[in-house]
N, C-alpha and C. Protein backbone atom coordinates (compact mmCIF):
# COMPACT_ATOMS: atom_id res chain seq x y z
N MET A 1 219.72 -57.32 -97.53
CA MET A 1 220.22 -58.53 -98.12
C MET A 1 220.45 -59.57 -97.03
N ALA A 2 219.98 -60.76 -97.27
CA ALA A 2 220.17 -61.87 -96.33
C ALA A 2 220.75 -63.06 -97.09
N ILE A 3 221.80 -63.62 -96.53
CA ILE A 3 222.40 -64.83 -97.09
C ILE A 3 222.22 -65.92 -96.05
N LYS A 4 221.73 -67.07 -96.50
CA LYS A 4 221.62 -68.19 -95.58
C LYS A 4 222.04 -69.47 -96.27
N VAL A 5 222.28 -70.49 -95.48
CA VAL A 5 222.64 -71.80 -96.00
C VAL A 5 221.55 -72.79 -95.58
N LYS A 6 221.39 -73.80 -96.42
CA LYS A 6 220.33 -74.77 -96.17
C LYS A 6 220.66 -76.06 -96.89
N ARG A 7 220.39 -77.19 -96.25
CA ARG A 7 220.54 -78.48 -96.93
C ARG A 7 219.49 -78.57 -98.02
N ILE A 8 219.88 -79.08 -99.16
CA ILE A 8 218.96 -79.18 -100.28
C ILE A 8 217.82 -80.16 -99.97
N TYR A 9 218.01 -81.01 -98.98
CA TYR A 9 216.98 -81.98 -98.60
C TYR A 9 215.87 -81.35 -97.76
N GLU A 10 216.10 -80.14 -97.27
CA GLU A 10 215.06 -79.43 -96.52
C GLU A 10 214.03 -78.87 -97.50
N PRO A 11 212.78 -78.74 -97.07
CA PRO A 11 211.75 -78.24 -97.98
C PRO A 11 211.99 -76.80 -98.42
N TYR A 12 211.59 -76.52 -99.64
CA TYR A 12 211.64 -75.17 -100.19
C TYR A 12 210.65 -74.28 -99.44
N THR A 13 211.05 -73.05 -99.17
CA THR A 13 210.12 -72.05 -98.64
C THR A 13 210.32 -70.77 -99.45
N PRO A 14 209.27 -69.99 -99.66
CA PRO A 14 209.40 -68.75 -100.42
C PRO A 14 210.43 -67.78 -99.82
N SER A 15 210.64 -67.84 -98.52
CA SER A 15 211.62 -66.94 -97.89
C SER A 15 213.06 -67.28 -98.27
N ASP A 16 213.27 -68.43 -98.94
CA ASP A 16 214.61 -68.78 -99.40
C ASP A 16 215.13 -67.76 -100.41
N GLY A 17 214.23 -67.15 -101.14
CA GLY A 17 214.66 -66.22 -102.17
C GLY A 17 215.32 -66.96 -103.32
N TYR A 18 216.43 -66.42 -103.79
CA TYR A 18 217.17 -67.01 -104.91
C TYR A 18 217.99 -68.17 -104.38
N ARG A 19 217.78 -69.36 -104.94
CA ARG A 19 218.41 -70.58 -104.43
C ARG A 19 219.51 -71.05 -105.37
N VAL A 20 220.71 -71.22 -104.78
CA VAL A 20 221.88 -71.63 -105.56
C VAL A 20 222.49 -72.88 -104.93
N LEU A 21 222.58 -73.95 -105.70
CA LEU A 21 223.26 -75.16 -105.25
C LEU A 21 224.76 -74.97 -105.47
N VAL A 22 225.55 -75.17 -104.41
CA VAL A 22 226.99 -74.93 -104.49
C VAL A 22 227.80 -76.23 -104.36
N ASP A 23 227.23 -77.34 -104.75
CA ASP A 23 227.91 -78.64 -104.77
C ASP A 23 228.41 -78.93 -106.18
N ARG A 24 229.54 -79.61 -106.27
CA ARG A 24 230.08 -79.99 -107.58
C ARG A 24 229.28 -81.15 -108.20
N LEU A 25 228.78 -82.04 -107.35
CA LEU A 25 228.01 -83.20 -107.82
C LEU A 25 226.54 -83.01 -107.44
N TRP A 26 225.67 -83.54 -108.28
CA TRP A 26 224.24 -83.45 -107.98
C TRP A 26 223.93 -84.32 -106.77
N PRO A 27 223.15 -83.81 -105.81
CA PRO A 27 222.84 -84.57 -104.58
C PRO A 27 222.01 -85.82 -104.85
N ARG A 28 222.38 -86.88 -104.17
CA ARG A 28 221.65 -88.16 -104.31
C ARG A 28 220.22 -88.02 -103.85
N GLY A 29 219.33 -88.64 -104.61
CA GLY A 29 217.94 -88.72 -104.20
C GLY A 29 217.13 -87.45 -104.40
N VAL A 30 217.70 -86.44 -105.02
CA VAL A 30 216.98 -85.18 -105.25
C VAL A 30 216.63 -85.09 -106.73
N ALA A 31 215.34 -84.97 -107.01
CA ALA A 31 214.90 -84.81 -108.39
C ALA A 31 215.13 -83.37 -108.83
N LYS A 32 215.73 -83.20 -110.00
CA LYS A 32 216.01 -81.84 -110.48
C LYS A 32 214.73 -81.02 -110.59
N ALA A 33 213.66 -81.67 -111.00
CA ALA A 33 212.40 -80.95 -111.19
C ALA A 33 211.83 -80.43 -109.87
N GLY A 34 212.09 -81.11 -108.79
CA GLY A 34 211.54 -80.71 -107.50
C GLY A 34 212.50 -79.95 -106.60
N ALA A 35 213.67 -79.59 -107.10
CA ALA A 35 214.69 -78.97 -106.26
C ALA A 35 214.47 -77.47 -106.04
N HIS A 36 213.60 -76.86 -106.81
CA HIS A 36 213.34 -75.42 -106.69
C HIS A 36 214.64 -74.61 -106.75
N LEU A 37 215.48 -74.95 -107.73
CA LEU A 37 216.76 -74.26 -107.90
C LEU A 37 216.61 -73.11 -108.88
N ASP A 38 217.30 -72.03 -108.57
CA ASP A 38 217.42 -70.96 -109.54
C ASP A 38 218.73 -71.11 -110.32
N ARG A 39 219.72 -71.72 -109.66
CA ARG A 39 221.03 -71.87 -110.30
C ARG A 39 221.81 -72.99 -109.63
N TRP A 40 222.58 -73.71 -110.45
CA TRP A 40 223.52 -74.70 -109.94
C TRP A 40 224.90 -74.19 -110.31
N MET A 41 225.68 -73.80 -109.32
CA MET A 41 227.01 -73.25 -109.57
C MET A 41 228.09 -74.22 -109.09
N LYS A 42 228.28 -75.29 -109.87
CA LYS A 42 229.29 -76.28 -109.48
C LYS A 42 230.69 -75.68 -109.52
N GLU A 43 230.86 -74.61 -110.29
CA GLU A 43 232.18 -73.98 -110.41
C GLU A 43 232.63 -73.25 -109.13
N VAL A 44 231.72 -73.00 -108.18
CA VAL A 44 232.14 -72.40 -106.90
C VAL A 44 232.39 -73.45 -105.82
N ALA A 45 232.14 -74.69 -106.14
CA ALA A 45 232.40 -75.78 -105.18
C ALA A 45 233.90 -75.98 -105.03
N PRO A 46 234.35 -76.48 -103.90
CA PRO A 46 235.78 -76.75 -103.73
C PRO A 46 236.25 -77.82 -104.72
N SER A 47 237.51 -77.76 -105.06
CA SER A 47 238.07 -78.78 -105.94
C SER A 47 237.92 -80.15 -105.29
N THR A 48 237.95 -81.17 -106.10
CA THR A 48 237.83 -82.53 -105.57
C THR A 48 238.94 -82.81 -104.56
N ALA A 49 240.15 -82.39 -104.87
CA ALA A 49 241.28 -82.64 -103.96
C ALA A 49 241.06 -81.95 -102.61
N LEU A 50 240.60 -80.71 -102.63
CA LEU A 50 240.36 -79.98 -101.39
C LEU A 50 239.22 -80.61 -100.60
N ARG A 51 238.15 -80.97 -101.30
CA ARG A 51 237.00 -81.58 -100.63
C ARG A 51 237.40 -82.89 -99.96
N GLN A 52 238.18 -83.71 -100.66
CA GLN A 52 238.60 -84.99 -100.11
C GLN A 52 239.57 -84.81 -98.94
N TRP A 53 240.46 -83.81 -99.04
CA TRP A 53 241.38 -83.54 -97.94
C TRP A 53 240.61 -83.11 -96.69
N PHE A 54 239.65 -82.21 -96.85
CA PHE A 54 238.88 -81.69 -95.73
C PHE A 54 238.02 -82.76 -95.08
N ASP A 55 237.24 -83.45 -95.86
CA ASP A 55 236.39 -84.56 -95.38
C ASP A 55 235.53 -84.16 -94.18
N HIS A 56 235.11 -82.89 -94.13
CA HIS A 56 234.25 -82.36 -93.08
C HIS A 56 234.83 -82.58 -91.67
N ASP A 57 236.16 -82.53 -91.59
CA ASP A 57 236.86 -82.69 -90.32
C ASP A 57 236.95 -81.31 -89.65
N GLU A 58 236.28 -81.17 -88.53
CA GLU A 58 236.22 -79.89 -87.82
C GLU A 58 237.61 -79.33 -87.50
N SER A 59 238.56 -80.19 -87.23
CA SER A 59 239.92 -79.73 -86.89
C SER A 59 240.63 -79.08 -88.09
N LYS A 60 240.15 -79.35 -89.30
CA LYS A 60 240.75 -78.78 -90.51
C LYS A 60 239.97 -77.57 -91.03
N TRP A 61 238.93 -77.16 -90.31
CA TRP A 61 238.02 -76.12 -90.80
C TRP A 61 238.72 -74.82 -91.20
N ASN A 62 239.51 -74.25 -90.31
CA ASN A 62 240.15 -72.96 -90.62
C ASN A 62 241.07 -73.06 -91.83
N GLU A 63 241.82 -74.15 -91.91
CA GLU A 63 242.71 -74.35 -93.06
C GLU A 63 241.89 -74.57 -94.34
N PHE A 64 240.78 -75.30 -94.23
CA PHE A 64 239.90 -75.50 -95.38
C PHE A 64 239.38 -74.17 -95.91
N VAL A 65 238.89 -73.32 -95.01
CA VAL A 65 238.35 -72.02 -95.42
C VAL A 65 239.44 -71.20 -96.12
N SER A 66 240.62 -71.21 -95.58
CA SER A 66 241.74 -70.48 -96.18
C SER A 66 242.08 -71.01 -97.58
N ARG A 67 242.19 -72.31 -97.71
CA ARG A 67 242.51 -72.92 -99.01
C ARG A 67 241.38 -72.70 -100.02
N TYR A 68 240.17 -72.82 -99.55
CA TYR A 68 239.00 -72.63 -100.42
C TYR A 68 238.93 -71.20 -100.92
N HIS A 69 239.16 -70.26 -100.02
CA HIS A 69 239.19 -68.85 -100.40
C HIS A 69 240.27 -68.62 -101.46
N SER A 70 241.43 -69.22 -101.29
CA SER A 70 242.52 -69.09 -102.26
C SER A 70 242.13 -69.66 -103.62
N GLU A 71 241.41 -70.79 -103.60
CA GLU A 71 240.96 -71.39 -104.87
C GLU A 71 240.02 -70.45 -105.63
N LEU A 72 239.15 -69.78 -104.88
CA LEU A 72 238.11 -68.95 -105.52
C LEU A 72 238.54 -67.53 -105.83
N LYS A 73 239.55 -67.05 -105.13
CA LYS A 73 239.96 -65.65 -105.24
C LYS A 73 240.22 -65.26 -106.69
N GLY A 74 239.51 -64.22 -107.12
CA GLY A 74 239.70 -63.68 -108.47
C GLY A 74 239.06 -64.47 -109.60
N THR A 75 238.33 -65.54 -109.27
CA THR A 75 237.70 -66.33 -110.34
C THR A 75 236.40 -65.68 -110.79
N SER A 76 236.01 -65.97 -112.01
CA SER A 76 234.74 -65.45 -112.51
C SER A 76 233.57 -66.05 -111.73
N ALA A 77 233.75 -67.27 -111.23
CA ALA A 77 232.68 -67.95 -110.49
C ALA A 77 232.31 -67.18 -109.22
N ILE A 78 233.32 -66.77 -108.45
CA ILE A 78 233.01 -66.04 -107.22
C ILE A 78 232.45 -64.67 -107.56
N GLN A 79 232.92 -64.08 -108.66
CA GLN A 79 232.38 -62.78 -109.07
C GLN A 79 230.89 -62.90 -109.43
N GLU A 80 230.53 -64.00 -110.08
CA GLU A 80 229.11 -64.24 -110.42
C GLU A 80 228.28 -64.40 -109.15
N LEU A 81 228.82 -65.10 -108.18
CA LEU A 81 228.09 -65.30 -106.92
C LEU A 81 227.94 -63.99 -106.17
N ILE A 82 228.95 -63.16 -106.19
CA ILE A 82 228.87 -61.84 -105.57
C ILE A 82 227.79 -61.00 -106.26
N ALA A 83 227.73 -61.08 -107.58
CA ALA A 83 226.70 -60.35 -108.33
C ALA A 83 225.31 -60.84 -107.95
N LEU A 84 225.14 -62.15 -107.79
CA LEU A 84 223.84 -62.69 -107.38
C LEU A 84 223.47 -62.19 -105.99
N ARG A 85 224.45 -62.16 -105.10
CA ARG A 85 224.21 -61.63 -103.74
C ARG A 85 223.71 -60.19 -103.82
N ASP A 86 224.31 -59.41 -104.69
CA ASP A 86 223.95 -58.00 -104.80
C ASP A 86 222.61 -57.77 -105.50
N GLN A 87 222.18 -58.73 -106.32
CA GLN A 87 220.94 -58.59 -107.08
C GLN A 87 219.70 -59.07 -106.34
N HIS A 88 219.87 -59.89 -105.34
CA HIS A 88 218.72 -60.53 -104.69
C HIS A 88 218.64 -60.18 -103.21
N LYS A 89 217.43 -59.91 -102.77
CA LYS A 89 217.20 -59.56 -101.37
C LYS A 89 217.56 -60.74 -100.45
N ASN A 90 217.18 -61.93 -100.86
CA ASN A 90 217.48 -63.15 -100.11
C ASN A 90 218.20 -64.13 -101.02
N LEU A 91 219.31 -64.67 -100.54
CA LEU A 91 220.10 -65.65 -101.27
C LEU A 91 220.31 -66.85 -100.37
N THR A 92 219.95 -68.02 -100.85
CA THR A 92 220.15 -69.25 -100.09
C THR A 92 221.14 -70.13 -100.83
N LEU A 93 222.23 -70.49 -100.13
CA LEU A 93 223.24 -71.39 -100.66
C LEU A 93 222.89 -72.80 -100.22
N LEU A 94 222.65 -73.66 -101.17
CA LEU A 94 222.22 -75.02 -100.88
C LEU A 94 223.39 -75.99 -100.96
N PHE A 95 223.40 -76.96 -100.07
CA PHE A 95 224.45 -77.98 -100.02
C PHE A 95 223.83 -79.31 -99.66
N SER A 96 224.57 -80.39 -99.89
CA SER A 96 224.02 -81.71 -99.57
C SER A 96 224.75 -82.41 -98.42
N ALA A 97 225.83 -81.87 -97.94
CA ALA A 97 226.61 -82.51 -96.87
C ALA A 97 225.77 -82.73 -95.62
N LYS A 98 226.06 -83.80 -94.92
CA LYS A 98 225.36 -84.07 -93.66
C LYS A 98 225.79 -83.10 -92.57
N ASN A 99 227.04 -82.66 -92.63
CA ASN A 99 227.57 -81.75 -91.62
C ASN A 99 227.09 -80.33 -91.95
N GLU A 100 226.18 -79.83 -91.15
CA GLU A 100 225.56 -78.54 -91.42
C GLU A 100 226.40 -77.35 -90.94
N LYS A 101 227.42 -77.62 -90.16
CA LYS A 101 228.22 -76.55 -89.58
C LYS A 101 229.54 -76.33 -90.33
N TYR A 102 230.09 -77.40 -90.89
CA TYR A 102 231.39 -77.34 -91.56
C TYR A 102 231.26 -77.84 -92.98
N ASN A 103 230.94 -76.94 -93.89
CA ASN A 103 230.79 -77.30 -95.31
C ASN A 103 231.05 -76.07 -96.17
N GLN A 104 231.13 -76.26 -97.47
CA GLN A 104 231.49 -75.17 -98.37
C GLN A 104 230.45 -74.06 -98.40
N ALA A 105 229.19 -74.36 -98.19
CA ALA A 105 228.16 -73.31 -98.20
C ALA A 105 228.37 -72.33 -97.04
N VAL A 106 228.72 -72.86 -95.88
CA VAL A 106 229.00 -72.01 -94.71
C VAL A 106 230.22 -71.13 -95.01
N ALA A 107 231.26 -71.74 -95.58
CA ALA A 107 232.46 -70.97 -95.92
C ALA A 107 232.14 -69.88 -96.95
N LEU A 108 231.33 -70.21 -97.94
CA LEU A 108 230.94 -69.23 -98.96
C LEU A 108 230.12 -68.09 -98.35
N MET A 109 229.21 -68.44 -97.46
CA MET A 109 228.39 -67.41 -96.82
C MET A 109 229.30 -66.40 -96.11
N LYS A 110 230.31 -66.89 -95.41
CA LYS A 110 231.24 -65.99 -94.73
C LYS A 110 232.02 -65.15 -95.72
N MET A 111 232.43 -65.75 -96.84
CA MET A 111 233.16 -65.01 -97.88
C MET A 111 232.30 -63.90 -98.48
N LEU A 112 231.00 -64.15 -98.52
CA LEU A 112 230.07 -63.17 -99.12
C LEU A 112 229.60 -62.13 -98.12
N GLY A 113 230.08 -62.22 -96.90
CA GLY A 113 229.71 -61.23 -95.89
C GLY A 113 228.52 -61.59 -95.05
N GLY A 114 228.09 -62.85 -95.10
CA GLY A 114 227.00 -63.30 -94.24
C GLY A 114 227.52 -63.60 -92.85
N LYS A 115 226.62 -63.99 -91.96
CA LYS A 115 227.02 -64.27 -90.57
C LYS A 115 227.81 -65.51 -90.53
């Protein structure tokens, strides 16, 4: 099993495997027909309040991950994502943020046991 993260603006590749968009809002400039999505799970995205508080500020990263984990803990949404991880050899979590190092997809990958 491999879990990876990727900006939705990057080209689709077959090695992506099962592709899940983990943003609450649809990414600007991306046509739904060309997104090569298997699933859009807006319910695993951070709450609007948490996302706005974090604002991709590296100094808030550890606290963001902790708060985000608390938001998701025990929800059916995270359970569904865990099931998808277990069902697919390759799982790619897609995000639209410009910051590729500090975003919800990276936090989710860590929660799911990825690197």
